Amino acid sequence: MSVARPAHPTPDTNVSVTLGFSINDRLRSKIAFFDDVPIREVSQTCERCHLTDCTERAAPPDVLHQVAVKQQIALDLKALNQKINAT
């Protein structure tokens, strides 16, 4: 569940609060109107989000890309090290 509003005193900036709930049978039994609530899959922040079909994306997944680049560099260095050690 999320709530967003303009920040005070800077109305050009938004602030939001998000509460996450584990969707399970217990939650369904506690919330009588559960089936009327729209459900969306979310991740963390847009910069860390792996979802590719998100219509609400507000920023590119820069952090996720940086992690992928670092992982690829580590794999490349490992492969180079193995080549050097093999000769």
Protein backbone atom coordinates (compact mmCIF):
# COMPACT_ATOMS: atom_id res chain seq x y z
CA MET A 1 0.00 0.00 0.00
CA SER A 2 1.49 3.34 -1.03
CA VAL A 3 0.63 6.96 -0.41
CA ALA A 4 2.36 9.80 -2.24
CA ARG A 5 1.95 13.55 -2.01
CA PRO A 6 3.84 16.76 -2.78
CA ALA A 7 6.51 17.51 -0.18
CA HIS A 8 6.25 20.57 2.01
CA PRO A 9 7.71 23.20 1.51
CA THR A 10 8.94 22.03 -1.92
CA PRO A 11 5.79 21.10 -3.87
CA ASP A 12 7.84 20.12 -6.95
CA THR A 13 9.20 17.16 -4.99
CA ASN A 14 7.08 14.16 -4.04
CA VAL A 15 7.35 12.03 -0.93
CA SER A 16 5.84 8.61 -0.44
CA VAL A 17 5.35 5.90 2.12
CA THR A 18 4.93 2.27 1.15
CA LEU A 19 3.79 -0.60 3.34
CA GLY A 20 4.29 -4.10 1.99
CA PHE A 21 2.08 -7.04 2.83
CA SER A 22 2.78 -10.69 2.19
CA ILE A 23 -0.12 -11.88 0.07
CA ASN A 24 -1.21 -15.18 1.53
CA ASP A 25 -4.36 -16.94 2.75
CA ARG A 26 -4.16 -15.29 6.16
CA LEU A 27 -4.16 -11.80 4.61
CA ARG A 28 -7.04 -12.75 2.32
CA SER A 29 -9.08 -13.95 5.30
CA LYS A 30 -8.41 -10.75 7.30
CA ILE A 31 -9.27 -8.23 4.56
CA ALA A 32 -12.83 -8.70 3.37
CA PHE A 33 -12.35 -6.40 0.36
CA PHE A 34 -9.05 -8.01 -0.71
CA ASP A 35 -10.34 -9.03 -4.16
CA ASP A 36 -11.30 -5.39 -4.87
CA VAL A 37 -7.77 -4.06 -4.23
CA PRO A 38 -5.56 -3.66 -7.33
CA ILE A 39 -2.35 -5.68 -6.94
CA ARG A 40 0.93 -4.63 -8.58
CA GLU A 41 4.28 -6.32 -8.34
CA VAL A 42 6.91 -3.90 -7.12
CA SER A 43 10.55 -4.15 -6.32
CA GLN A 44 12.64 -1.69 -4.36
CA THR A 45 13.39 1.69 -5.86
CA CYS A 46 13.24 2.22 -9.61
CA GLU A 47 17.04 2.36 -9.67
CA ARG A 48 17.22 -1.15 -8.18
CA CYS A 49 14.15 -2.68 -9.81
CA HIS A 50 14.49 -5.70 -12.11
CA LEU A 51 10.99 -5.40 -13.58
CA THR A 52 11.09 -4.61 -17.29
CA ASP A 53 7.38 -4.10 -17.95
CA CYS A 54 6.68 -1.53 -15.22
CA THR A 55 4.49 1.32 -16.41
CA GLU A 56 5.23 3.36 -13.28
CA ARG A 57 9.02 3.42 -13.68
CA ALA A 58 10.20 6.90 -12.73
CA ALA A 59 13.96 6.38 -13.22
CA PRO A 60 16.21 4.01 -15.14
CA PRO A 61 17.55 0.96 -13.23
CA ASP A 62 21.02 2.52 -12.83
CA VAL A 63 22.00 0.66 -9.64
CA LEU A 64 20.92 -2.65 -11.18
CA HIS A 65 23.04 -1.90 -14.27
CA GLN A 66 26.06 -0.98 -12.11
CA VAL A 67 25.77 -4.30 -10.26
CA ALA A 68 25.58 -6.18 -13.57
CA VAL A 69 28.65 -4.35 -14.91
CA LYS A 70 30.64 -5.16 -11.75
CA GLN A 71 29.63 -8.82 -11.96
CA GLN A 72 30.69 -8.97 -15.62
CA ILE A 73 34.04 -7.35 -14.81
CA ALA A 74 34.61 -9.93 -12.05
CA LEU A 75 33.80 -12.77 -14.47
CA ASP A 76 36.09 -11.30 -17.13
CA LEU A 77 38.95 -10.91 -14.65
CA LYS A 78 38.47 -14.48 -13.45
CA ALA A 79 38.58 -15.77 -17.05
CA LEU A 80 41.68 -13.68 -17.78
CA ASN A 81 43.37 -14.96 -14.65
CA GLN A 82 42.61 -18.55 -15.67
CA LYS A 83 44.12 -17.90 -19.13
CA ILE A 84 47.26 -16.41 -17.59
CA ASN A 85 47.65 -19.30 -15.14
CA ALA A 86 47.11 -21.86 -17.93
CA THR A 87 50.13 -20.66 -19.89
